[in-house]
């Protein structure tokens, strides 16, 4: 059970890096979160079980908030939807960007939000369990990946005017605007950075 939990955590957060849309990003974040819960349950320790119950409440609320914000962003972006590419500004961009950032860091488990406490409790609960060091390593590494992959609160703030006729479609512009996963990891706010002006 523990190997399956660790693989689930890794797949979830590497899926966040490879996501092509905000809904995919949110879904993979949930997969990683469920892997964290499974790892806590897999050691069959009372402290770890208690931590898992606490983290279950947090992850459920954080995932719901993230999907709700992503849906609001997708609706306001119109034909661009939830695609992770550069697009024009949209209504309430600053508010939705801030909400998306809060929901994203809640899923990752950063302080001062409750997910940070939940992960600390899980790590403390599995400390003396068999394979506990593997759980520590995977959770800490994937948390760093989640931090790097979570977009900064600049969603859709490129300031570009709406596309005119003859310009590339959202689907076509996605591939051109999307950097490699390594550039993604080194630049947390890459999804909504304005593209270079045409020469």
Protein backbone atom coordinates (compact mmCIF):
# COMPACT_ATOMS: atom_id res chain seq x y z
CA UNK A 1 0.00 0.00 0.00
CA UNK A 2 2.81 2.42 0.83
CA UNK A 3 4.56 2.10 -2.56
CA UNK A 4 1.25 2.80 -4.30
CA UNK A 5 0.77 5.88 -2.11
CA UNK A 6 4.23 7.25 -2.91
CA UNK A 7 3.75 6.64 -6.64
CA UNK A 8 0.38 8.42 -6.47
CA UNK A 9 1.98 11.46 -4.83
CA UNK A 10 4.72 11.61 -7.46
CA UNK A 11 2.32 11.14 -10.39
CA UNK A 12 0.04 13.84 -9.05
CA UNK A 13 2.63 16.55 -8.70
CA UNK A 14 4.52 15.70 -11.88
CA UNK A 15 1.12 15.83 -13.57
CA UNK A 16 0.77 19.37 -12.25
CA UNK A 17 3.97 20.26 -14.12
CA UNK A 18 2.71 18.67 -17.34
CA UNK A 19 -0.88 19.99 -17.18
CA UNK A 20 -2.18 21.66 -20.35
CA UNK A 21 -5.09 23.40 -18.65
CA UNK A 22 -6.04 24.78 -15.27
CA UNK A 23 -8.61 22.04 -14.75
CA UNK A 24 -5.94 19.41 -15.43
CA UNK A 25 -3.63 21.19 -13.00
CA UNK A 26 -6.30 21.15 -10.29
CA UNK A 27 -7.13 17.49 -10.94
CA UNK A 28 -3.51 16.38 -10.69
CA UNK A 29 -3.11 18.41 -7.50
CA UNK A 30 -6.01 16.43 -6.03
CA UNK A 31 -4.33 13.16 -7.09
CA UNK A 32 -1.16 14.20 -5.25
CA UNK A 33 -3.17 15.18 -2.20
CA UNK A 34 -4.93 11.81 -2.14
CA UNK A 35 -1.56 10.11 -2.34
CA UNK A 36 -0.47 12.01 0.76
CA UNK A 37 -3.56 10.78 2.60
CA UNK A 38 -2.95 7.22 1.44
CA UNK A 39 0.65 7.37 2.67
CA UNK A 40 -0.52 8.45 6.13
CA UNK A 41 -3.05 5.62 6.29
CA UNK A 42 -0.62 3.03 4.92
CA UNK A 43 1.66 3.08 7.99
CA UNK A 44 -1.22 2.10 10.34
CA UNK A 45 -0.10 4.42 13.14
CA UNK A 46 -2.64 6.20 15.40
CA UNK A 47 -0.96 9.60 15.07
CA UNK A 48 -0.73 9.27 11.30
CA UNK A 49 -4.39 8.25 11.08
CA UNK A 50 -5.44 11.30 13.11
CA UNK A 51 -3.34 13.53 10.87
CA UNK A 52 -4.95 11.95 7.80
CA UNK A 53 -8.43 12.78 9.10
CA UNK A 54 -7.41 16.40 9.65
CA UNK A 55 -5.80 16.60 6.21
CA UNK A 56 -8.88 15.06 4.59
CA UNK A 57 -11.04 18.01 5.63
CA UNK A 58 -8.44 20.51 4.45
CA UNK A 59 -7.79 18.85 1.08
CA UNK A 60 -11.51 18.49 0.35
CA UNK A 61 -12.21 22.18 0.95
CA UNK A 62 -9.05 23.32 -0.85
CA UNK A 63 -9.79 21.16 -3.91
CA UNK A 64 -13.38 22.43 -4.08
CA UNK A 65 -12.18 26.04 -3.87
CA UNK A 66 -9.54 25.47 -6.56
CA UNK A 67 -12.01 23.93 -9.02
CA UNK A 68 -14.54 26.71 -8.39
CA UNK A 69 -11.96 29.44 -9.06
CA UNK A 70 -10.66 27.64 -12.15
CA UNK A 71 -14.20 27.44 -13.53
CA UNK A 72 -14.73 31.17 -12.94
CA UNK A 73 -11.46 31.95 -14.74
CA UNK A 74 -12.37 29.67 -17.66
CA UNK A 75 -15.79 31.32 -18.07
CA UNK A 76 -14.34 34.83 -18.05
CA UNK A 77 -11.58 33.95 -20.52
CA UNK A 78 -14.21 33.02 -23.09
CA UNK A 79 -12.80 31.07 -26.04
CA UNK A 80 -9.46 30.73 -24.27
CA UNK A 81 -11.13 28.69 -21.52
CA UNK A 82 -8.78 27.12 -18.99
CA UNK A 83 -5.90 26.68 -21.45
CA UNK A 84 -2.54 27.61 -19.97
CA UNK A 85 -1.53 30.18 -22.54
CA UNK A 86 -1.28 33.93 -22.88
CA UNK A 87 -4.63 35.64 -23.36
CA UNK A 88 -6.29 39.03 -23.01
CA UNK A 89 -7.28 40.51 -19.68
CA UNK A 90 -10.69 39.55 -18.38
CA UNK A 91 -13.23 40.78 -15.86
CA UNK A 92 -12.17 40.63 -12.18
CA UNK A 93 -8.71 39.36 -13.14
CA UNK A 94 -7.02 40.69 -10.00
CA UNK A 95 -9.57 39.16 -7.61
CA UNK A 96 -9.65 35.80 -9.36
CA UNK A 97 -5.86 35.72 -9.60
CA UNK A 98 -5.58 36.24 -5.85
CA UNK A 99 -8.20 33.57 -5.16
CA UNK A 100 -6.47 31.12 -7.50
CA UNK A 101 -3.14 31.75 -5.78
CA UNK A 102 -4.66 31.16 -2.33
CA UNK A 103 -6.37 27.95 -3.46
CA UNK A 104 -3.19 26.71 -5.14
CA UNK A 105 -0.97 27.26 -2.10
CA UNK A 106 -3.67 25.65 0.05
CA UNK A 107 -3.46 22.51 -2.09
CA UNK A 108 0.33 22.54 -1.91
CA UNK A 109 0.25 22.94 1.86
CA UNK A 110 2.09 26.19 2.53
CA UNK A 111 1.88 28.23 5.74
CA UNK A 112 -0.11 29.86 7.21
CA UNK A 113 -2.94 27.74 5.77
CA UNK A 114 -4.22 24.54 7.36
CA UNK A 115 -2.60 22.28 4.78
CA UNK A 116 0.80 23.14 6.21
CA UNK A 117 -0.30 21.96 9.65
CA UNK A 118 -1.82 18.83 8.14
CA UNK A 119 1.40 17.89 6.35
CA UNK A 120 3.44 18.55 9.48
CA UNK A 121 1.14 16.26 11.46
CA UNK A 122 1.41 13.55 8.80
CA UNK A 123 5.21 13.80 8.70
CA UNK A 124 5.36 13.65 12.49
CA UNK A 125 2.98 10.68 12.58
CA UNK A 126 5.01 8.60 10.11
CA UNK A 127 8.41 9.51 11.53
CA UNK A 128 8.95 6.23 13.40
CA UNK A 129 7.03 4.01 10.98
CA UNK A 130 8.62 1.56 8.57
CA UNK A 131 9.41 3.45 5.38
CA UNK A 132 8.81 6.77 7.07
CA UNK A 133 11.94 8.28 5.55
CA UNK A 134 10.56 7.52 2.07
CA UNK A 135 7.34 9.33 2.94
CA UNK A 136 9.31 12.32 4.20
CA UNK A 137 11.43 12.45 1.05
CA UNK A 138 8.55 12.13 -1.41
CA UNK A 139 6.26 14.60 0.38
CA UNK A 140 8.97 17.24 0.77
CA UNK A 141 10.21 16.92 -2.82
CA UNK A 142 6.73 17.00 -4.34
CA UNK A 143 5.79 19.96 -2.14
CA UNK A 144 8.70 21.90 -3.64
CA UNK A 145 7.51 20.86 -7.11
CA UNK A 146 4.02 22.07 -6.25
CA UNK A 147 5.38 25.43 -5.11
CA UNK A 148 7.30 25.90 -8.36
CA UNK A 149 4.37 24.81 -10.52
CA UNK A 150 1.69 26.93 -8.83
CA UNK A 151 1.11 30.07 -10.89
CA UNK A 152 1.65 33.39 -9.15
CA UNK A 153 -1.31 35.78 -8.78
CA UNK A 154 -1.01 37.19 -12.26
CA UNK A 155 -3.56 35.04 -14.09
CA UNK A 156 -4.51 36.60 -17.38
CA UNK A 157 -2.83 39.92 -16.58
CA UNK A 158 -0.86 40.16 -19.79
CA UNK A 159 -2.75 43.30 -20.74
CA UNK A 160 -3.11 42.25 -24.36
CA UNK A 161 -6.03 43.46 -26.38
CA UNK A 162 -8.57 40.87 -27.52
CA UNK A 163 -7.38 39.00 -30.63
CA UNK A 164 -8.49 40.34 -33.98
CA UNK A 165 -9.51 38.32 -37.01
CA UNK A 166 -6.70 36.48 -38.64
CA UNK A 167 -4.78 35.92 -35.44
CA UNK A 168 -3.94 32.49 -34.14
CA UNK A 169 -6.67 30.55 -32.40
CA UNK A 170 -6.29 29.68 -28.71
CA UNK A 171 -5.49 26.07 -29.59
CA UNK A 172 -2.79 27.12 -32.02
CA UNK A 173 -1.31 29.73 -29.72
CA UNK A 174 -1.13 27.32 -26.80
CA UNK A 175 1.76 25.33 -28.23
CA UNK A 176 3.69 28.45 -29.14
CA UNK A 177 3.16 30.07 -25.76
CA UNK A 178 3.93 27.00 -23.66
CA UNK A 179 7.53 26.70 -22.46
CA UNK A 180 9.20 23.44 -21.53
CA UNK A 181 8.48 21.82 -18.13
CA UNK A 182 11.94 22.87 -16.94
CA UNK A 183 11.27 26.52 -17.74
CA UNK A 184 7.89 26.10 -16.10
CA UNK A 185 9.51 24.85 -12.90
CA UNK A 186 11.92 27.79 -12.82
CA UNK A 187 9.23 30.39 -13.41
CA UNK A 188 6.14 30.04 -11.18
CA UNK A 189 4.10 32.70 -12.98
CA UNK A 190 4.88 31.53 -16.53
CA UNK A 191 1.31 30.74 -17.69
CA UNK A 192 0.21 34.35 -17.95
CA UNK A 193 3.36 36.17 -18.87
CA UNK A 194 2.91 38.30 -21.98
CA UNK A 195 4.53 36.92 -25.08
CA UNK A 196 7.29 38.75 -26.90
CA UNK A 197 6.11 41.31 -29.46
CA UNK A 198 6.13 40.13 -33.04
CA UNK A 199 9.08 41.26 -35.05
